[in-house]
Amino acid sequence: MTQTELDTIAPQMDRAARELAHSTGADTPDAFARAYILAVAEVCGAAAADQCADGEEWEPAGWLEGDRDAVLDAMRLVGLGERPGVDASPMWRDAWALYLAPSLGAYDVQGLARR
């Protein structure tokens, strides 16, 4: 991915995920594309966790359908989503881990209370 390609798709990117991806210090367009995908998973996890009742833990058994679709859409947007077996890739496993345990930054970029 080139910087020009990133600039072209930037308006289509989720604002909160884009902001979180920038905070990672990704220093190349490819690194930023990967950071963006992981950030989408993370902000989705934070938003879903925020909906849990007080005292209820965020412990999904699997992706919420809309969240899984958002991560796949992010992968397609940056050109990584059409590969066979994408949901078995190391990046997909990393995205799942961040979805389950989002960072405080994932809450902050959405203006959500930290959990």
PDB file of N, CA and C in Angstrom:
ATOM      1  N   MET A   1       0.850  -1.165   0.000  1.00  0.00           N
ATOM      2  CA  MET A   1       0.000   0.000   0.000  1.00  0.00           C
ATOM      3  C   MET A   1       0.899   1.232   0.000  1.00  0.00           C
ATOM      4  N   THR A   2       0.486   2.243  -0.732  1.00  0.00           N
ATOM      5  CA  THR A   2       1.252   3.482  -0.791  1.00  0.00           C
ATOM      6  C   THR A   2       0.552   4.569   0.022  1.00  0.00           C
ATOM      7  N   GLN A   3       1.284   5.632   0.294  1.00  0.00           N
ATOM      8  CA  GLN A   3       0.690   6.759   1.013  1.00  0.00           C
ATOM      9  C   GLN A   3      -0.442   7.380   0.197  1.00  0.00           C
ATOM     10  N   THR A   4      -0.298   7.428  -1.102  1.00  0.00           N
ATOM     11  CA  THR A   4      -1.356   7.968  -1.966  1.00  0.00           C
ATOM     12  C   THR A   4      -2.616   7.124  -1.851  1.00  0.00           C
ATOM     13  N   GLU A   5      -2.449   5.804  -1.838  1.00  0.00           N
ATOM     14  CA  GLU A   5      -3.618   4.922  -1.679  1.00  0.00           C
ATOM     15  C   GLU A   5      -4.280   5.152  -0.325  1.00  0.00           C
ATOM     16  N   LEU A   6      -3.475   5.294   0.727  1.00  0.00           N
ATOM     17  CA  LEU A   6      -4.035   5.568   2.058  1.00  0.00           C
ATOM     18  C   LEU A   6      -4.788   6.894   2.071  1.00  0.00           C
ATOM     19  N   ASP A   7      -4.201   7.916   1.466  1.00  0.00           N
ATOM     20  CA  ASP A   7      -4.855   9.222   1.416  1.00  0.00           C
ATOM     21  C   ASP A   7      -6.185   9.143   0.679  1.00  0.00           C
ATOM     22  N   THR A   8      -6.241   8.310  -0.346  1.00  0.00           N
ATOM     23  CA  THR A   8      -7.462   8.155  -1.136  1.00  0.00           C
ATOM     24  C   THR A   8      -8.582   7.497  -0.333  1.00  0.00           C
ATOM     25  N   ILE A   9      -8.234   6.504   0.480  1.00  0.00           N
ATOM     26  CA  ILE A   9      -9.273   5.785   1.224  1.00  0.00           C
ATOM     27  C   ILE A   9      -9.547   6.384   2.601  1.00  0.00           C
ATOM     28  N   ALA A  10      -8.727   7.322   3.039  1.00  0.00           N
ATOM     29  CA  ALA A  10      -8.881   7.897   4.386  1.00  0.00           C
ATOM     30  C   ALA A  10     -10.303   8.364   4.688  1.00  0.00           C
ATOM     31  N   PRO A  11     -10.999   9.021   3.744  1.00  0.00           N
ATOM     32  CA  PRO A  11     -12.366   9.455   4.066  1.00  0.00           C
ATOM     33  C   PRO A  11     -13.335   8.300   4.334  1.00  0.00           C
ATOM     34  N   GLN A  12     -12.997   7.101   3.864  1.00  0.00           N
ATOM     35  CA  GLN A  12     -13.863   5.939   4.075  1.00  0.00           C
ATOM     36  C   GLN A  12     -13.562   5.216   5.376  1.00  0.00           C
ATOM     37  N   MET A  13     -12.475   5.584   6.017  1.00  0.00           N
ATOM     38  CA  MET A  13     -12.059   4.913   7.247  1.00  0.00           C
ATOM     39  C   MET A  13     -12.883   5.396   8.435  1.00  0.00           C
ATOM     40  N   ASP A  14     -13.087   4.504   9.373  1.00  0.00           N
ATOM     41  CA  ASP A  14     -13.745   4.847  10.622  1.00  0.00           C
ATOM     42  C   ASP A  14     -12.864   5.853  11.370  1.00  0.00           C
ATOM     43  N   ARG A  15     -13.445   6.968  11.777  1.00  0.00           N
ATOM     44  CA  ARG A  15     -12.686   8.049  12.411  1.00  0.00           C
ATOM     45  C   ARG A  15     -11.973   7.579  13.667  1.00  0.00           C
ATOM     46  N   ALA A  16     -12.682   6.903  14.556  1.00  0.00           N
ATOM     47  CA  ALA A  16     -12.079   6.474  15.821  1.00  0.00           C
ATOM     48  C   ALA A  16     -10.959   5.465  15.579  1.00  0.00           C
ATOM     49  N   ALA A  17     -11.186   4.518  14.695  1.00  0.00           N
ATOM     50  CA  ALA A  17     -10.163   3.517  14.404  1.00  0.00           C
ATOM     51  C   ALA A  17      -8.952   4.159  13.736  1.00  0.00           C
ATOM     52  N   ARG A  18      -9.194   5.115  12.862  1.00  0.00           N
ATOM     53  CA  ARG A  18      -8.079   5.808  12.201  1.00  0.00           C
ATOM     54  C   ARG A  18      -7.233   6.553  13.231  1.00  0.00           C
ATOM     55  N   GLU A  19      -7.905   7.221  14.164  1.00  0.00           N
ATOM     56  CA  GLU A  19      -7.195   7.946  15.217  1.00  0.00           C
ATOM     57  C   GLU A  19      -6.383   6.982  16.091  1.00  0.00           C
ATOM     58  N   LEU A  20      -6.995   5.873  16.460  1.00  0.00           N
ATOM     59  CA  LEU A  20      -6.288   4.881  17.274  1.00  0.00           C
ATOM     60  C   LEU A  20      -5.092   4.300  16.512  1.00  0.00           C
ATOM     61  N   ALA A  21      -5.267   4.029  15.233  1.00  0.00           N
ATOM     62  CA  ALA A  21      -4.167   3.496  14.418  1.00  0.00           C
ATOM     63  C   ALA A  21      -3.013   4.496  14.343  1.00  0.00           C
ATOM     64  N   HIS A  22      -3.325   5.779  14.219  1.00  0.00           N
ATOM     65  CA  HIS A  22      -2.268   6.797  14.198  1.00  0.00           C
ATOM     66  C   HIS A  22      -1.482   6.798  15.508  1.00  0.00           C
ATOM     67  N   SER A  23      -2.147   6.501  16.604  1.00  0.00           N
ATOM     68  CA  SER A  23      -1.482   6.545  17.908  1.00  0.00           C
ATOM     69  C   SER A  23      -0.473   5.421  18.100  1.00  0.00           C
ATOM     70  N   THR A  24      -0.472   4.439  17.199  1.00  0.00           N
ATOM     71  CA  THR A  24       0.466   3.314  17.326  1.00  0.00           C
ATOM     72  C   THR A  24       1.864   3.656  16.843  1.00  0.00           C
ATOM     73  N   GLY A  25       1.985   4.757  16.127  1.00  0.00           N
ATOM     74  CA  GLY A  25       3.291   5.134  15.595  1.00  0.00           C
ATOM     75  C   GLY A  25       3.690   4.357  14.356  1.00  0.00           C
ATOM     76  N   ALA A  26       2.720   3.747  13.684  1.00  0.00           N
ATOM     77  CA  ALA A  26       3.012   3.014  12.445  1.00  0.00           C
ATOM     78  C   ALA A  26       3.753   3.952  11.494  1.00  0.00           C
ATOM     79  N   ASP A  27       4.896   3.504  10.994  1.00  0.00           N
ATOM     80  CA  ASP A  27       5.756   4.408  10.239  1.00  0.00           C
ATOM     81  C   ASP A  27       5.798   4.166   8.737  1.00  0.00           C
ATOM     82  N   THR A  28       5.017   3.216   8.250  1.00  0.00           N
ATOM     83  CA  THR A  28       4.914   2.984   6.805  1.00  0.00           C
ATOM     84  C   THR A  28       3.434   2.817   6.456  1.00  0.00           C
ATOM     85  N   PRO A  29       3.077   3.011   5.199  1.00  0.00           N
ATOM     86  CA  PRO A  29       1.680   2.793   4.818  1.00  0.00           C
ATOM     87  C   PRO A  29       1.189   1.376   5.122  1.00  0.00           C
ATOM     88  N   ASP A  30       2.030   0.370   4.882  1.00  0.00           N
ATOM     89  CA  ASP A  30       1.615  -1.006   5.183  1.00  0.00           C
ATOM     90  C   ASP A  30       1.419  -1.222   6.675  1.00  0.00           C
ATOM     91  N   ALA A  31       2.313  -0.661   7.480  1.00  0.00           N
ATOM     92  CA  ALA A  31       2.163  -0.777   8.932  1.00  0.00           C
ATOM     93  C   ALA A  31       0.905  -0.064   9.400  1.00  0.00           C
ATOM     94  N   PHE A  32       0.612   1.087   8.803  1.00  0.00           N
ATOM     95  CA  PHE A  32      -0.603   1.798   9.180  1.00  0.00           C
ATOM     96  C   PHE A  32      -1.848   1.010   8.772  1.00  0.00           C
ATOM     97  N   ALA A  33      -1.826   0.392   7.604  1.00  0.00           N
ATOM     98  CA  ALA A  33      -2.973  -0.408   7.155  1.00  0.00           C
ATOM     99  C   ALA A  33      -3.244  -1.532   8.147  1.00  0.00           C
ATOM    100  N   ARG A  34      -2.184  -2.208   8.584  1.00  0.00           N
ATOM    101  CA  ARG A  34      -2.347  -3.273   9.582  1.00  0.00           C
ATOM    102  C   ARG A  34      -2.859  -2.700  10.898  1.00  0.00           C
ATOM    103  N   ALA A  35      -2.276  -1.578  11.326  1.00  0.00           N
ATOM    104  CA  ALA A  35      -2.718  -0.942  12.576  1.00  0.00           C
ATOM    105  C   ALA A  35      -4.185  -0.535  12.489  1.00  0.00           C
ATOM    106  N   TYR A  36      -4.616  -0.100  11.315  1.00  0.00           N
ATOM    107  CA  TYR A  36      -6.012   0.306  11.145  1.00  0.00           C
ATOM    108  C   TYR A  36      -6.950  -0.895  11.310  1.00  0.00           C
ATOM    109  N   ILE A  37      -6.606  -2.002  10.703  1.00  0.00           N
ATOM    110  CA  ILE A  37      -7.445  -3.201  10.833  1.00  0.00           C
ATOM    111  C   ILE A  37      -7.568  -3.604  12.300  1.00  0.00           C
ATOM    112  N   LEU A  38      -6.446  -3.634  12.984  1.00  0.00           N
ATOM    113  CA  LEU A  38      -6.466  -4.000  14.402  1.00  0.00           C
ATOM    114  C   LEU A  38      -7.241  -2.974  15.220  1.00  0.00           C
ATOM    115  N   ALA A  39      -7.136  -1.705  14.853  1.00  0.00           N
ATOM    116  CA  ALA A  39      -7.863  -0.654  15.569  1.00  0.00           C
ATOM    117  C   ALA A  39      -9.369  -0.788  15.372  1.00  0.00           C
ATOM    118  N   VAL A  40      -9.800  -1.195  14.183  1.00  0.00           N
ATOM    119  CA  VAL A  40     -11.233  -1.414  13.957  1.00  0.00           C
ATOM    120  C   VAL A  40     -11.734  -2.496  14.912  1.00  0.00           C
ATOM    121  N   ALA A  41     -10.996  -3.593  15.020  1.00  0.00           N
ATOM    122  CA  ALA A  41     -11.388  -4.659  15.943  1.00  0.00           C
ATOM    123  C   ALA A  41     -11.438  -4.135  17.368  1.00  0.00           C
ATOM    124  N   GLU A  42     -10.457  -3.342  17.718  1.00  0.00           N
ATOM    125  CA  GLU A  42     -10.353  -2.844  19.084  1.00  0.00           C
ATOM    126  C   GLU A  42     -11.475  -1.858  19.420  1.00  0.00           C
ATOM    127  N   VAL A  43     -11.790  -0.933  18.513  1.00  0.00           N
ATOM    128  CA  VAL A  43     -12.872   0.017  18.820  1.00  0.00           C
ATOM    129  C   VAL A  43     -14.225  -0.693  18.831  1.00  0.00           C
ATOM    130  N   CYS A  44     -14.382  -1.709  17.985  1.00  0.00           N
ATOM    131  CA  CYS A  44     -15.623  -2.494  18.032  1.00  0.00           C
ATOM    132  C   CYS A  44     -15.751  -3.202  19.374  1.00  0.00           C
ATOM    133  N   GLY A  45     -14.661  -3.775  19.852  1.00  0.00           N
ATOM    134  CA  GLY A  45     -14.677  -4.455  21.146  1.00  0.00           C
ATOM    135  C   GLY A  45     -14.986  -3.493  22.278  1.00  0.00           C
ATOM    136  N   ALA A  46     -14.393  -2.310  22.241  1.00  0.00           N
ATOM    137  CA  ALA A  46     -14.656  -1.318  23.283  1.00  0.00           C
ATOM    138  C   ALA A  46     -16.113  -0.862  23.259  1.00  0.00           C
ATOM    139  N   ALA A  47     -16.645  -0.630  22.066  1.00  0.00           N
ATOM    140  CA  ALA A  47     -18.043  -0.189  21.955  1.00  0.00           C
ATOM    141  C   ALA A  47     -18.997  -1.276  22.459  1.00  0.00           C
ATOM    142  N   ALA A  48     -18.698  -2.528  22.131  1.00  0.00           N
ATOM    143  CA  ALA A  48     -19.545  -3.625  22.599  1.00  0.00           C
ATOM    144  C   ALA A  48     -19.409  -3.811  24.107  1.00  0.00           C
ATOM    145  N   ALA A  49     -18.186  -3.739  24.609  1.00  0.00           N
ATOM    146  CA  ALA A  49     -17.966  -3.888  26.049  1.00  0.00           C
ATOM    147  C   ALA A  49     -18.668  -2.779  26.826  1.00  0.00           C
ATOM    148  N   ASP A  50     -18.708  -1.597  26.240  1.00  0.00           N
ATOM    149  CA  ASP A  50     -19.354  -0.463  26.891  1.00  0.00           C
ATOM    150  C   ASP A  50     -20.856  -0.701  27.087  1.00  0.00           C
ATOM    151  N   GLN A  51     -21.424  -1.572  26.295  1.00  0.00           N
ATOM    152  CA  GLN A  51     -22.856  -1.853  26.392  1.00  0.00           C
ATOM    153  C   GLN A  51     -23.186  -2.900  27.454  1.00  0.00           C
ATOM    154  N   CYS A  52     -22.174  -3.508  28.038  1.00  0.00           N
ATOM    155  CA  CYS A  52     -22.410  -4.488  29.099  1.00  0.00           C
ATOM    156  C   CYS A  52     -22.982  -3.779  30.333  1.00  0.00           C
ATOM    157  N   ALA A  53     -23.826  -4.473  31.018  1.00  0.00           N
ATOM    158  CA  ALA A  53     -24.391  -3.933  32.255  1.00  0.00           C
ATOM    159  C   ALA A  53     -23.294  -3.801  33.305  1.00  0.00           C
ATOM    160  N   ASP A  54     -23.487  -2.900  34.241  1.00  0.00           N
ATOM    161  CA  ASP A  54     -22.505  -2.741  35.324  1.00  0.00           C
ATOM    162  C   ASP A  54     -22.258  -4.095  35.987  1.00  0.00           C
ATOM    163  N   GLY A  55     -21.007  -4.423  36.169  1.00  0.00           N
ATOM    164  CA  GLY A  55     -20.637  -5.679  36.791  1.00  0.00           C
ATOM    165  C   GLY A  55     -20.566  -6.852  35.829  1.00  0.00           C
ATOM    166  N   GLU A  56     -21.084  -6.684  34.623  1.00  0.00           N
ATOM    167  CA  GLU A  56     -21.045  -7.747  33.619  1.00  0.00           C
ATOM    168  C   GLU A  56     -19.722  -7.661  32.861  1.00  0.00           C
ATOM    169  N   GLU A  57     -19.072  -8.785  32.679  1.00  0.00           N
ATOM    170  CA  GLU A  57     -17.800  -8.825  31.971  1.00  0.00           C
ATOM    171  C   GLU A  57     -18.034  -8.963  30.470  1.00  0.00           C
ATOM    172  N   TRP A  58     -17.155  -8.366  29.700  1.00  0.00           N
ATOM    173  CA  TRP A  58     -17.160  -8.501  28.242  1.00  0.00           C
ATOM    174  C   TRP A  58     -16.405  -9.779  27.907  1.00  0.00           C
ATOM    175  N   GLU A  59     -17.163 -10.850  27.638  1.00  0.00           N
ATOM    176  CA  GLU A  59     -16.574 -12.157  27.352  1.00  0.00           C
ATOM    177  C   GLU A  59     -17.342 -12.852  26.229  1.00  0.00           C
ATOM    178  N   PRO A  60     -17.254 -12.308  25.020  1.00  0.00           N
ATOM    179  CA  PRO A  60     -18.007 -12.937  23.934  1.00  0.00           C
ATOM    180  C   PRO A  60     -17.415 -14.287  23.536  1.00  0.00           C
ATOM    181  N   ALA A  61     -18.274 -15.190  23.138  1.00  0.00           N
ATOM    182  CA  ALA A  61     -17.807 -16.490  22.663  1.00  0.00           C
ATOM    183  C   ALA A  61     -17.329 -16.394  21.219  1.00  0.00           C
ATOM    184  N   GLY A  62     -17.761 -15.359  20.539  1.00  0.00           N
ATOM    185  CA  GLY A  62     -17.379 -15.145  19.141  1.00  0.00           C
ATOM    186  C   GLY A  62     -17.629 -13.703  18.761  1.00  0.00           C
ATOM    187  N   TRP A  63     -17.267 -13.383  17.551  1.00  0.00           N
ATOM    188  CA  TRP A  63     -17.486 -12.030  17.043  1.00  0.00           C
ATOM    189  C   TRP A  63     -18.979 -11.720  16.976  1.00  0.00           C
ATOM    190  N   LEU A  64     -19.368 -10.534  17.364  1.00  0.00           N
ATOM    191  CA  LEU A  64     -20.709 -10.069  17.030  1.00  0.00           C
ATOM    192  C   LEU A  64     -20.701  -9.843  15.518  1.00  0.00           C
ATOM    193  N   GLU A  65     -21.777 -10.207  14.859  1.00  0.00           N
ATOM    194  CA  GLU A  65     -21.777 -10.230  13.397  1.00  0.00           C
ATOM    195  C   GLU A  65     -21.367  -8.893  12.770  1.00  0.00           C
ATOM    196  N   GLY A  66     -21.927  -7.811  13.248  1.00  0.00           N
ATOM    197  CA  GLY A  66     -21.586  -6.512  12.691  1.00  0.00           C
ATOM    198  C   GLY A  66     -20.134  -6.139  12.923  1.00  0.00           C
ATOM    199  N   ASP A  67     -19.586  -6.570  14.048  1.00  0.00           N
ATOM    200  CA  ASP A  67     -18.183  -6.280  14.353  1.00  0.00           C
ATOM    201  C   ASP A  67     -17.252  -7.090  13.452  1.00  0.00           C
ATOM    202  N   ARG A  68     -17.577  -8.348  13.258  1.00  0.00           N
ATOM    203  CA  ARG A  68     -16.786  -9.185  12.353  1.00  0.00           C
ATOM    204  C   ARG A  68     -16.813  -8.593  10.951  1.00  0.00           C
ATOM    205  N   ASP A  69     -17.987  -8.165  10.520  1.00  0.00           N
ATOM    206  CA  ASP A  69     -18.112  -7.559   9.193  1.00  0.00           C
ATOM    207  C   ASP A  69     -17.303  -6.270   9.095  1.00  0.00           C
ATOM    208  N   ALA A  70     -17.273  -5.488  10.166  1.00  0.00           N
ATOM    209  CA  ALA A  70     -16.501  -4.236  10.159  1.00  0.00           C
ATOM    210  C   ALA A  70     -15.013  -4.517   9.984  1.00  0.00           C
ATOM    211  N   VAL A  71     -14.508  -5.558  10.637  1.00  0.00           N
ATOM    212  CA  VAL A  71     -13.096  -5.906  10.492  1.00  0.00           C
ATOM    213  C   VAL A  71     -12.817  -6.409   9.080  1.00  0.00           C
ATOM    214  N   LEU A  72     -13.694  -7.244   8.563  1.00  0.00           N
ATOM    215  CA  LEU A  72     -13.513  -7.713   7.184  1.00  0.00           C
ATOM    216  C   LEU A  72     -13.588  -6.555   6.196  1.00  0.00           C
ATOM    217  N   ASP A  73     -14.496  -5.614   6.420  1.00  0.00           N
ATOM    218  CA  ASP A  73     -14.590  -4.433   5.555  1.00  0.00           C
ATOM    219  C   ASP A  73     -13.310  -3.611   5.620  1.00  0.00           C
ATOM    220  N   ALA A  74     -12.742  -3.468   6.823  1.00  0.00           N
ATOM    221  CA  ALA A  74     -11.477  -2.739   6.969  1.00  0.00           C
ATOM    222  C   ALA A  74     -10.368  -3.449   6.202  1.00  0.00           C
ATOM    223  N   MET A  75     -10.355  -4.769   6.267  1.00  0.00           N
ATOM    224  CA  MET A  75      -9.343  -5.532   5.541  1.00  0.00           C
ATOM    225  C   MET A  75      -9.501  -5.338   4.039  1.00  0.00           C
ATOM    226  N   ARG A  76     -10.724  -5.338   3.565  1.00  0.00           N
ATOM    227  CA  ARG A  76     -10.963  -5.112   2.133  1.00  0.00           C
ATOM    228  C   ARG A  76     -10.552  -3.697   1.739  1.00  0.00           C
ATOM    229  N   LEU A  77     -10.875  -2.737   2.588  1.00  0.00           N
ATOM    230  CA  LEU A  77     -10.576  -1.337   2.289  1.00  0.00           C
ATOM    231  C   LEU A  77      -9.083  -1.125   2.070  1.00  0.00           C
ATOM    232  N   VAL A  78      -8.256  -1.781   2.865  1.00  0.00           N
ATOM    233  CA  VAL A  78      -6.806  -1.611   2.720  1.00  0.00           C
ATOM    234  C   VAL A  78      -6.186  -2.688   1.821  1.00  0.00           C
ATOM    235  N   GLY A  79      -7.036  -3.491   1.190  1.00  0.00           N
ATOM    236  CA  GLY A  79      -6.552  -4.456   0.211  1.00  0.00           C
ATOM    237  C   GLY A  79      -6.083  -5.783   0.763  1.00  0.00           C
ATOM    238  N   LEU A  80      -6.519  -6.143   1.969  1.00  0.00           N
ATOM    239  CA  LEU A  80      -6.078  -7.396   2.568  1.00  0.00           C
ATOM    240  C   LEU A  80      -7.215  -8.375   2.847  1.00  0.00           C
ATOM    241  N   GLY A  81      -8.411  -8.081   2.394  1.00  0.00           N
ATOM    242  CA  GLY A  81      -9.550  -8.874   2.813  1.00  0.00           C
ATOM    243  C   GLY A  81     -10.041  -9.938   1.881  1.00  0.00           C
ATOM    244  N   GLU A  82      -9.478 -10.068   0.714  1.00  0.00           N
ATOM    245  CA  GLU A  82     -10.015 -11.034  -0.239  1.00  0.00           C
ATOM    246  C   GLU A  82      -9.192 -12.316  -0.304  1.00  0.00           C
ATOM    247  N   ARG A  83      -8.245 -12.442   0.582  1.00  0.00           N
ATOM    248  CA  ARG A  83      -7.383 -13.617   0.561  1.00  0.00           C
ATOM    249  C   ARG A  83      -8.082 -14.814   1.202  1.00  0.00           C
ATOM    250  N   PRO A  84      -7.960 -15.989   0.611  1.00  0.00           N
ATOM    251  CA  PRO A  84      -8.532 -17.186   1.237  1.00  0.00           C
ATOM    252  C   PRO A  84      -7.899 -17.421   2.610  1.00  0.00           C
ATOM    253  N   GLY A  85      -8.704 -17.835   3.554  1.00  0.00           N
ATOM    254  CA  GLY A  85      -8.209 -18.143   4.884  1.00  0.00           C
ATOM    255  C   GLY A  85      -7.878 -16.937   5.738  1.00  0.00           C
ATOM    256  N   VAL A  86      -8.385 -15.771   5.350  1.00  0.00           N
ATOM    257  CA  VAL A  86      -8.050 -14.555   6.086  1.00  0.00           C
ATOM    258  C   VAL A  86      -8.457 -14.659   7.554  1.00  0.00           C
ATOM    259  N   ASP A  87      -9.549 -15.376   7.830  1.00  0.00           N
ATOM    260  CA  ASP A  87     -10.000 -15.477   9.221  1.00  0.00           C
ATOM    261  C   ASP A  87      -9.203 -16.503  10.027  1.00  0.00           C
ATOM    262  N   ALA A  88      -8.162 -17.076   9.427  1.00  0.00           N
ATOM    263  CA  ALA A  88      -7.255 -17.967  10.153  1.00  0.00           C
ATOM    264  C   ALA A  88      -5.843 -17.380  10.199  1.00  0.00           C
ATOM    265  N   SER A  89      -5.708 -16.153   9.752  1.00  0.00           N
ATOM    266  CA  SER A  89      -4.381 -15.534   9.672  1.00  0.00           C
ATOM    267  C   SER A  89      -3.922 -15.026  11.039  1.00  0.00           C
ATOM    268  N   PRO A  90      -2.622 -14.822  11.196  1.00  0.00           N
ATOM    269  CA  PRO A  90      -2.124 -14.246  12.449  1.00  0.00           C
ATOM    270  C   PRO A  90      -2.743 -12.867  12.739  1.00  0.00           C
ATOM    271  N   MET A  91      -2.967 -12.076  11.690  1.00  0.00           N
ATOM    272  CA  MET A  91      -3.574 -10.764  11.916  1.00  0.00           C
ATOM    273  C   MET A  91      -4.997 -10.921  12.461  1.00  0.00           C
ATOM    274  N   TRP A  92      -5.725 -11.890  11.958  1.00  0.00           N
ATOM    275  CA  TRP A  92      -7.087 -12.125  12.440  1.00  0.00           C
ATOM    276  C   TRP A  92      -7.056 -12.529  13.913  1.00  0.00           C
ATOM    277  N   ARG A  93      -6.100 -13.351  14.292  1.00  0.00           N
ATOM    278  CA  ARG A  93      -5.966 -13.743  15.703  1.00  0.00           C
ATOM    279  C   ARG A  93      -5.600 -12.534  16.565  1.00  0.00           C
ATOM    280  N   ASP A  94      -4.733 -11.668  16.045  1.00  0.00           N
ATOM    281  CA  ASP A  94      -4.386 -10.446  16.776  1.00  0.00           C
ATOM    282  C   ASP A  94      -5.607  -9.543  16.926  1.00  0.00           C
ATOM    283  N   ALA A  95      -6.397  -9.458  15.856  1.00  0.00           N
ATOM    284  CA  ALA A  95      -7.613  -8.635  15.905  1.00  0.00           C
ATOM    285  C   ALA A  95      -8.579  -9.190  16.959  1.00  0.00           C
ATOM    286  N   TRP A  96      -8.718 -10.500  17.016  1.00  0.00           N
ATOM    287  CA  TRP A  96      -9.603 -11.133  18.002  1.00  0.00           C
ATOM    288  C   TRP A  96      -9.140 -10.820  19.425  1.00  0.00           C
ATOM    289  N   ALA A  97      -7.835 -10.893  19.648  1.00  0.00           N
ATOM    290  CA  ALA A  97      -7.303 -10.606  20.986  1.00  0.00           C
ATOM    291  C   ALA A  97      -7.599  -9.164  21.391  1.00  0.00           C
ATOM    292  N   LEU A  98      -7.465  -8.233  20.468  1.00  0.00           N
ATOM    293  CA  LEU A  98      -7.757  -6.824  20.773  1.00  0.00           C
ATOM    294  C   LEU A  98      -9.256  -6.582  20.929  1.00  0.00           C
ATOM    295  N   TYR A  99     -10.046  -7.328  20.197  1.00  0.00           N
ATOM    296  CA  TYR A  99     -11.505  -7.237  20.315  1.00  0.00           C
ATOM    297  C   TYR A  99     -11.939  -7.662  21.720  1.00  0.00           C
ATOM    298  N   LEU A 100     -11.326  -8.721  22.215  1.00  0.00           N
ATOM    299  CA  LEU A 100     -11.668  -9.237  23.545  1.00  0.00           C
ATOM    300  C   LEU A 100     -11.184  -8.325  24.672  1.00  0.00           C
ATOM    301  N   ALA A 101     -10.044  -7.689  24.466  1.00  0.00           N
ATOM    302  CA  ALA A 101      -9.422  -6.873  25.520  1.00  0.00           C
ATOM    303  C   ALA A 101      -8.936  -5.542  24.942  1.00  0.00           C
ATOM    304  N   PRO A 102      -9.881  -4.658  24.603  1.00  0.00           N
ATOM    305  CA  PRO A 102      -9.471  -3.381  24.004  1.00  0.00           C
ATOM    306  C   PRO A 102      -8.675  -2.523  24.984  1.00  0.00           C
ATOM    307  N   SER A 103      -7.768  -1.746  24.426  1.00  0.00           N
ATOM    308  CA  SER A 103      -6.959  -0.844  25.240  1.00  0.00           C
ATOM    309  C   SER A 103      -7.806   0.332  25.731  1.00  0.00           C
ATOM    310  N   LEU A 104      -7.282   1.038  26.693  1.00  0.00           N
ATOM    311  CA  LEU A 104      -7.967   2.239  27.177  1.00  0.00           C
ATOM    312  C   LEU A 104      -8.094   3.255  26.051  1.00  0.00           C
ATOM    313  N   GLY A 105      -7.132   3.290  25.157  1.00  0.00           N
ATOM    314  CA  GLY A 105      -7.187   4.206  24.021  1.00  0.00           C
ATOM    315  C   GLY A 105      -8.391   3.954  23.130  1.00  0.00           C
ATOM    316  N   ALA A 106      -8.812   2.701  23.016  1.00  0.00           N
ATOM    317  CA  ALA A 106      -9.982   2.372  22.191  1.00  0.00           C
ATOM    318  C   ALA A 106     -11.260   2.964  22.783  1.00  0.00           C
ATOM    319  N   TYR A 107     -11.307   3.068  24.099  1.00  0.00           N
ATOM    320  CA  TYR A 107     -12.440   3.732  24.753  1.00  0.00           C
ATOM    321  C   TYR A 107     -12.323   5.241  24.582  1.00  0.00           C
ATOM    322  N   ASP A 108     -11.104   5.749  24.786  1.00  0.00           N
ATOM    323  CA  ASP A 108     -10.871   7.194  24.745  1.00  0.00           C
ATOM    324  C   ASP A 108     -11.236   7.808  23.396  1.00  0.00           C
ATOM    325  N   VAL A 109     -10.825   7.156  22.286  1.00  0.00           N
ATOM    326  CA  VAL A 109     -11.088   7.746  20.965  1.00  0.00           C
ATOM    327  C   VAL A 109     -12.573   7.784  20.627  1.00  0.00           C
ATOM    328  N   GLN A 110     -13.371   7.039  21.383  1.00  0.00           N
ATOM    329  CA  GLN A 110     -14.815   7.048  21.172  1.00  0.00           C
ATOM    330  C   GLN A 110     -15.569   7.838  22.239  1.00  0.00           C
ATOM    331  N   GLY A 111     -14.812   8.396  23.187  1.00  0.00           N
ATOM    332  CA  GLY A 111     -15.439   9.151  24.259  1.00  0.00           C
ATOM    333  C   GLY A 111     -16.216   8.270  25.223  1.00  0.00           C
ATOM    334  N   LEU A 112     -15.780   7.026  25.363  1.00  0.00           N
ATOM    335  CA  LEU A 112     -16.468   6.078  26.255  1.00  0.00           C
ATOM    336  C   LEU A 112     -15.747   6.022  27.595  1.00  0.00           C
ATOM    337  N   ALA A 113     -16.490   5.682  28.630  1.00  0.00           N
ATOM    338  CA  ALA A 113     -15.891   5.501  29.951  1.00  0.00           C
ATOM    339  C   ALA A 113     -14.977   4.285  29.910  1.00  0.00           C
ATOM    340  N   ARG A 114     -13.854   4.401  30.548  1.00  0.00           N
ATOM    341  CA  ARG A 114     -12.928   3.273  30.580  1.00  0.00           C
ATOM    342  C   ARG A 114     -13.481   2.166  31.466  1.00  0.00           C
ATOM    343  N   ARG A 115     -13.309   0.938  31.017  1.00  0.00           N
ATOM    344  CA  ARG A 115     -13.771  -0.227  31.782  1.00  0.00           C
ATOM    345  C   ARG A 115     -12.602  -0.934  32.416  1.00  0.00           C
TER     346      ARG A 115
END
